[in-house]
Amino acid sequence: MVYPVLSDEYFMNEALKEAQKAKELEEVPVGAVVVNQNRIIARGHNMTQQLNDVTAHAEMIAITSASNYLGAKYLVECTLFVTLEPCVMCAAALKWAQLDRLVFATSDPREGFSRLKEQILHKKTEVIPGILEEQASHLLKEFFRKQREIKH
């Protein structure tokens, strides 16, 4: 059976659903999905509070899940869709996973990997920024606005 090729927007919407799950758990609302051959093979959202683990970013959860699904440590022919530009830790993990494509919604000028001068991703990884940027940015801004209100 041949399936239609789904768009980057379709898969980013799936990552946004994961971000919403994180928000409902009072985690920073970042979500991720890993796609292989036009199918979602892994999902993840931030779980740093739930797991008491600073490394439990959406990307890390999704990478581990995808590797388990594939039975391999390399994410060859895989695309990661994530709602926020990966941090340096996650980008380094993506390098070691040899990810084919990275698609992210909104940039992270304070913590994102692209603020580094040197290339941190694998040399073959294609990067596509800005897919559904407005939706992802709104979700994050709303979350942090509410966090500031709670503190006051």
Protein backbone atom coordinates (compact mmCIF):
# COMPACT_ATOMS: atom_id res chain seq x y z
CA MET A 1 0.00 0.00 0.00
CA VAL A 2 1.34 3.45 -0.94
CA TYR A 3 0.70 6.26 1.51
CA PRO A 4 0.53 9.92 0.49
CA VAL A 5 3.59 11.98 1.36
CA LEU A 6 2.69 14.14 4.32
CA SER A 7 3.94 17.71 4.68
CA ASP A 8 6.37 19.21 7.17
CA GLU A 9 3.40 21.21 8.50
CA TYR A 10 1.47 17.99 9.18
CA PHE A 11 4.30 16.52 11.24
CA MET A 12 4.99 19.83 13.03
CA ASN A 13 1.33 19.86 14.07
CA GLU A 14 1.96 16.45 15.63
CA ALA A 15 4.96 17.90 17.50
CA LEU A 16 2.71 20.76 18.68
CA LYS A 17 0.32 18.16 20.13
CA GLU A 18 3.26 16.81 22.13
CA ALA A 19 4.10 20.34 23.29
CA GLN A 20 0.52 20.69 24.51
CA LYS A 21 0.93 17.49 26.56
CA ALA A 22 4.02 19.01 28.18
CA LYS A 23 2.10 22.20 28.97
CA GLU A 24 -0.66 20.20 30.64
CA LEU A 25 2.00 18.63 32.87
CA GLU A 26 3.35 22.12 33.67
CA GLU A 27 6.51 21.37 31.70
CA VAL A 28 8.02 23.84 29.24
CA PRO A 29 5.80 23.19 26.19
CA VAL A 30 8.21 21.64 23.71
CA GLY A 31 7.22 18.62 21.65
CA ALA A 32 8.97 16.42 19.12
CA VAL A 33 8.26 13.60 16.69
CA VAL A 34 10.65 11.44 14.69
CA VAL A 35 9.54 10.46 11.20
CA ASN A 36 10.92 7.63 9.08
CA GLN A 37 9.52 6.77 5.66
CA ASN A 38 6.61 9.18 6.09
CA ARG A 39 5.52 7.60 9.41
CA ILE A 40 5.87 8.82 12.98
CA ILE A 41 8.03 6.28 14.79
CA ALA A 42 8.57 8.21 18.03
CA ARG A 43 7.06 11.03 20.06
CA GLY A 44 8.38 13.04 22.96
CA HIS A 45 7.73 16.10 25.05
CA ASN A 46 9.64 17.80 27.81
CA MET A 47 9.64 15.73 30.99
CA THR A 48 12.34 17.39 33.08
CA GLN A 49 9.97 18.09 35.99
CA GLN A 50 8.17 14.74 35.79
CA LEU A 51 11.40 12.73 35.75
CA ASN A 52 13.58 15.09 37.83
CA ASP A 53 16.05 14.90 34.98
CA VAL A 54 17.58 17.96 33.32
CA THR A 55 18.33 15.89 30.20
CA ALA A 56 14.69 14.84 29.65
CA HIS A 57 14.12 17.28 26.79
CA ALA A 58 11.54 16.43 24.13
CA GLU A 59 14.28 15.69 21.60
CA MET A 60 16.14 13.31 23.92
CA ILE A 61 12.95 11.39 24.73
CA ALA A 62 12.11 11.16 21.00
CA ILE A 63 15.66 10.09 20.02
CA THR A 64 15.66 7.26 22.58
CA SER A 65 12.19 6.13 21.55
CA ALA A 66 13.09 6.18 17.83
CA SER A 67 16.31 4.24 18.43
CA ASN A 68 14.38 1.63 20.38
CA TYR A 69 11.78 1.39 17.61
CA LEU A 70 14.42 0.98 14.89
CA GLY A 71 16.66 -1.26 16.97
CA ALA A 72 19.56 0.96 15.97
CA LYS A 73 21.50 3.84 17.43
CA TYR A 74 21.57 5.82 14.19
CA LEU A 75 18.50 7.68 12.93
CA VAL A 76 19.35 7.22 9.25
CA GLU A 77 16.59 8.40 6.91
CA CYS A 78 14.83 10.07 9.85
CA THR A 79 13.56 13.59 10.40
CA LEU A 80 13.07 15.17 13.81
CA PHE A 81 10.29 17.73 14.03
CA VAL A 82 10.55 19.84 17.17
CA THR A 83 8.67 22.94 18.25
CA LEU A 84 11.73 24.79 19.59
CA GLU A 85 15.24 24.97 18.19
CA PRO A 86 17.30 22.31 20.00
CA CYS A 87 19.76 23.32 22.69
CA VAL A 88 23.44 22.44 22.40
CA MET A 89 22.98 19.19 24.37
CA CYS A 90 20.18 17.99 22.09
CA ALA A 91 21.99 19.10 18.93
CA ALA A 92 25.06 17.10 19.98
CA ALA A 93 22.86 14.04 20.55
CA LEU A 94 21.34 14.57 17.10
CA LYS A 95 24.86 14.67 15.64
CA TRP A 96 25.71 11.30 17.17
CA ALA A 97 22.36 9.90 15.96
CA GLN A 98 23.30 11.00 12.40
CA LEU A 99 19.87 12.51 11.79
CA ASP A 100 19.04 13.24 8.14
CA ARG A 101 16.77 16.26 8.69
CA LEU A 102 15.98 18.61 11.55
CA VAL A 103 12.82 20.70 11.24
CA PHE A 104 12.07 23.17 14.01
CA ALA A 105 9.33 25.71 14.51
CA THR A 106 10.77 28.61 16.46
CA SER A 107 14.32 29.74 17.15
CA ASP A 108 15.81 29.94 20.62
CA PRO A 109 18.26 32.86 20.58
CA ARG A 110 19.31 32.28 24.21
CA GLU A 111 19.81 28.50 24.32
CA GLY A 112 19.57 27.25 20.70
CA PHE A 113 22.44 25.45 19.00
CA SER A 114 22.61 27.89 16.07
CA ARG A 115 24.07 30.62 18.28
CA LEU A 116 27.35 28.69 18.22
CA LYS A 117 29.85 29.62 15.56
CA GLU A 118 31.01 26.07 14.90
CA GLN A 119 28.87 23.39 13.25
CA ILE A 120 27.47 21.07 15.94
CA LEU A 121 25.05 18.94 13.93
CA HIS A 122 26.18 16.07 11.70
CA LYS A 123 27.51 17.38 8.41
CA LYS A 124 24.75 15.64 6.40
CA THR A 125 21.86 16.94 8.54
CA GLU A 126 19.60 19.31 6.64
CA VAL A 127 18.04 22.04 8.83
CA ILE A 128 14.66 23.60 8.08
CA PRO A 129 13.63 26.35 10.52
CA GLY A 130 10.39 28.27 10.86
CA ILE A 131 7.70 25.63 10.18
CA LEU A 132 4.58 26.72 12.15
CA GLU A 133 6.76 29.20 13.99
CA GLU A 134 3.88 31.43 15.10
CA GLN A 135 1.94 28.60 16.78
CA ALA A 136 4.97 27.25 18.64
CA SER A 137 6.12 30.71 19.69
CA HIS A 138 2.66 31.59 21.00
CA LEU A 139 2.51 28.41 23.09
CA LEU A 140 5.88 29.14 24.69
CA LYS A 141 5.16 32.84 25.31
CA GLU A 142 1.82 32.01 26.91
CA PHE A 143 3.44 29.39 29.16
CA PHE A 144 6.19 31.73 30.38
CA ARG A 145 3.75 34.63 30.85
CA LYS A 146 1.67 32.41 33.17
CA GLN A 147 4.81 31.30 34.99
CA ARG A 148 5.72 34.95 35.68
CA GLU A 149 2.17 35.64 36.96
CA ILE A 150 2.40 32.70 39.37
CA LYS A 151 5.68 34.02 40.82
CA HIS A 152 4.19 37.43 41.57
